[in-house]
Amino acid sequence: MIDFRKIELTDKEWIDTLLGYSDYRGAEYCFTNLFIWDGVYNSRIARYKDFLLLISGEGENTRYLYPAGRGDKKEAIERLKADAQKRDVKMVLIGLSPEAATELEHLYPGEFTIHPYRSSFDYIYEKEKLITLSGKKLQSKRNHINFFKSNYNWDFQEFTPENVEEIKDFNREWCREVDCSQSESLDLEICAVKKCLENYAHLGLTGGILRVDGKIVAYTVGEQINSDTFIVHIEKAFANVRGAYPVINNEFVKRMPAGIKYVNREDDAGDAGLRNAKESYNPLFMQEKHSAQIIDEQNFRR
């Protein structure tokens, strides 16, 4: 059985290195997400040679992240298969891109059933399109931004560690407005956000803050996830401030590194409202995610 353990902040350096070898774009392949959501998903990690191994859940809900790193991928998967056998659980891999799904089928022809998992698809946007918001489909975004900039005394600033306590106050007010206590998913999200903020200075994140008359009305947090993509982990705004959401989005994207081509705004978790909001920005494509379940448990013994 693999000696999986809790993710610590001190693991960031080596995990970032191994994730860099694979250069995956999916939100699961980011240290920050693994770290801040570990309590929600009961995630634990291990290193096998130059591969990151991760397990989440327990019993019949056990899942393994498709290995990221470099070297013999089949050897790493065999380690996970052996671990599943010892735990007496079904071997299920998650987070597979279409390319990874093809790779798995090549390594294990006919041994896994592979299915797309729509609720975990990440929304990927063209960076320049989020800056210009050109085209008829994004006219409403431009209208909201124009209204905001014409009617409010506003300012955008970088989110630094010195702002964390003020952002926590914002989150408490935001939660009262949307009534986080009545939504299990929002309650879990706030736990992850809290962990992110508490470790903001050490996670290598960048962020932005939008103020009106000096008061925070929106903020956002993200980082570069691979060679060409920036991922947005958090974006919150007061809904009663017209234009706050599109302005914080637009101003933040304008300040992303020059080499960035795409922006990953993560998945919608199957939430209809969130899906509509993310689709309204006209994504360039969806970063598909697949799960793969072993068909014949006798494969464990090969």
Foldseek 3Di string as FASTA:
>chain_A
DDPWAADDLVCQPLLLVQLQQQQDDAPVSAVLVCNLLCVVFVKTWDDDPFWIWMWTDAAQPIEIEQITGDDDSVVVVLVQLLVCVVSVYFYKYKFAFPVNVVVVCVVPPPFKDKDWDQQFWWFKAFLVCLQVVDDDLSVVLVVLQVCLVVPFPKDKDKDDLVCLVLVVVVVVVQCVVVVQVVPPVSVSLVSSVVVCSVCVNSRPKIKMFMDTVRHTFKMWIWQASYQAEIETDDIDGDPVNGNPRSVRSNVVSVPDDPRHGMYTDTGNSPDPVSVVVSCSSPGPDIRIMMMITGDDSVVSVD
